[in-house]
Amino acid sequence: MKHLQRLIDWENLWRLHSKGTHLTVKNMTRDDATGLYHSIEGRMSPENLHEDGEITRAQAQAKYDSLWYAVYDLMKLGFEIPKECGEIYYDYHDTFDK
């Protein structure tokens, strides 16, 4: 769950500034998980993933892999990928529903 925890830690930095509640794996709600899925989807965009060309391809691949591990961690906790996160939803189902 280290990949999910890394994502939660990042989310908590934002919540600290916006006075939001502190997120943990134990207190995560369906809405929190959906928000994390949206965050993952945004981070997977090419410009975010590659940091506008500032990192190597290997570093971008490592970020991509870490984001997918966070997706798997959320799924292990019982939070399915919402259909509105189409990139993740369809990539996952195209890969594993065969």
Protein backbone atom coordinates (compact mmCIF):
# COMPACT_ATOMS: atom_id res chain seq x y z
CA MET A 1 0.00 0.00 0.00
CA LYS A 2 3.03 2.30 -0.12
CA HIS A 3 1.97 3.73 -3.49
CA LEU A 4 -1.49 4.58 -2.20
CA GLN A 5 0.00 6.00 0.99
CA ARG A 6 2.27 8.26 -1.06
CA LEU A 7 -0.78 9.55 -2.93
CA ILE A 8 -2.70 10.05 0.33
CA ASP A 9 0.25 11.97 1.80
CA TRP A 10 0.20 14.30 -1.21
CA GLU A 11 -3.56 14.75 -0.89
CA ASN A 12 -3.17 15.57 2.81
CA LEU A 13 -0.74 18.37 1.95
CA TRP A 14 -3.50 19.98 -0.10
CA ARG A 15 -6.08 19.33 2.58
CA LEU A 16 -3.84 20.97 5.18
CA HIS A 17 -3.95 24.22 3.22
CA SER A 18 -7.67 24.04 2.53
CA LYS A 19 -8.61 22.99 6.08
CA GLY A 20 -9.91 19.65 4.84
CA THR A 21 -10.06 16.53 7.00
CA HIS A 22 -6.94 14.39 7.25
CA LEU A 23 -7.28 11.36 4.98
CA THR A 24 -6.10 7.89 6.00
CA VAL A 25 -6.66 4.46 4.56
CA LYS A 26 -8.86 3.65 7.57
CA ASN A 27 -11.16 6.69 7.30
CA MET A 28 -11.41 6.77 3.51
CA THR A 29 -14.89 7.13 2.08
CA ARG A 30 -16.20 6.38 -1.40
CA ASP A 31 -15.98 10.11 -2.20
CA ASP A 32 -12.37 10.24 -1.02
CA ALA A 33 -11.49 7.25 -3.20
CA THR A 34 -13.23 8.84 -6.19
CA GLY A 35 -11.22 12.00 -5.60
CA LEU A 36 -8.03 9.96 -5.53
CA TYR A 37 -8.99 8.25 -8.78
CA HIS A 38 -9.51 11.67 -10.37
CA SER A 39 -6.12 12.76 -9.04
CA ILE A 40 -4.49 9.65 -10.49
CA GLU A 41 -6.15 10.25 -13.85
CA GLY A 42 -4.86 13.82 -13.91
CA ARG A 43 -1.36 12.73 -12.95
CA MET A 44 -1.38 10.21 -15.80
CA SER A 45 -1.78 12.91 -18.44
CA PRO A 46 1.34 13.02 -20.63
CA GLU A 47 2.36 16.55 -19.61
CA ASN A 48 2.07 15.70 -15.90
CA LEU A 49 3.57 12.25 -16.21
CA HIS A 50 6.62 13.51 -18.10
CA GLU A 51 6.77 16.81 -16.19
CA ASP A 52 6.81 18.72 -19.49
CA GLY A 53 9.87 16.79 -20.67
CA GLU A 54 11.91 17.48 -17.53
CA ILE A 55 12.37 13.82 -16.54
CA THR A 56 13.65 10.75 -18.34
CA ARG A 57 11.42 8.15 -19.92
CA ALA A 58 12.42 5.68 -17.19
CA GLN A 59 11.39 8.16 -14.47
CA ALA A 60 8.06 8.76 -16.20
CA GLN A 61 7.49 5.00 -16.45
CA ALA A 62 8.23 4.63 -12.73
CA LYS A 63 5.64 7.34 -11.95
CA TYR A 64 3.11 5.62 -14.23
CA ASP A 65 3.70 2.25 -12.56
CA SER A 66 3.37 3.79 -9.09
CA LEU A 67 0.05 5.37 -10.05
CA TRP A 68 -1.28 2.03 -11.29
CA TYR A 69 -0.18 0.36 -8.05
CA ALA A 70 -2.18 3.01 -6.18
CA VAL A 71 -5.19 2.09 -8.36
CA TYR A 72 -4.73 -1.58 -7.45
CA ASP A 73 -4.46 -0.65 -3.76
CA LEU A 74 -7.74 1.28 -3.92
CA MET A 75 -9.37 -1.69 -5.61
CA LYS A 76 -8.06 -4.03 -2.89
CA LEU A 77 -9.81 -1.79 -0.37
CA GLY A 78 -13.09 -2.31 -2.25
CA PHE A 79 -13.20 0.97 -4.16
CA GLU A 80 -13.96 0.24 -7.80
CA ILE A 81 -12.77 2.59 -10.53
CA PRO A 82 -15.59 5.03 -11.30
CA LYS A 83 -16.68 5.15 -14.92
CA GLU A 84 -16.22 8.93 -14.98
CA CYS A 85 -12.47 8.26 -14.73
CA GLY A 86 -12.65 6.93 -18.26
CA GLU A 87 -8.93 6.71 -19.02
CA ILE A 88 -8.24 4.53 -16.00
CA TYR A 89 -11.54 2.66 -16.15
CA TYR A 90 -11.26 1.63 -19.78
CA ASP A 91 -7.51 0.96 -19.67
CA TYR A 92 -8.07 -1.38 -16.73
CA HIS A 93 -11.05 -3.18 -18.25
CA ASP A 94 -9.46 -3.41 -21.70
CA THR A 95 -6.46 -5.09 -20.10
CA PHE A 96 -8.07 -7.40 -17.55
CA ASP A 97 -11.53 -8.23 -18.92
CA LYS A 98 -10.23 -10.34 -21.79
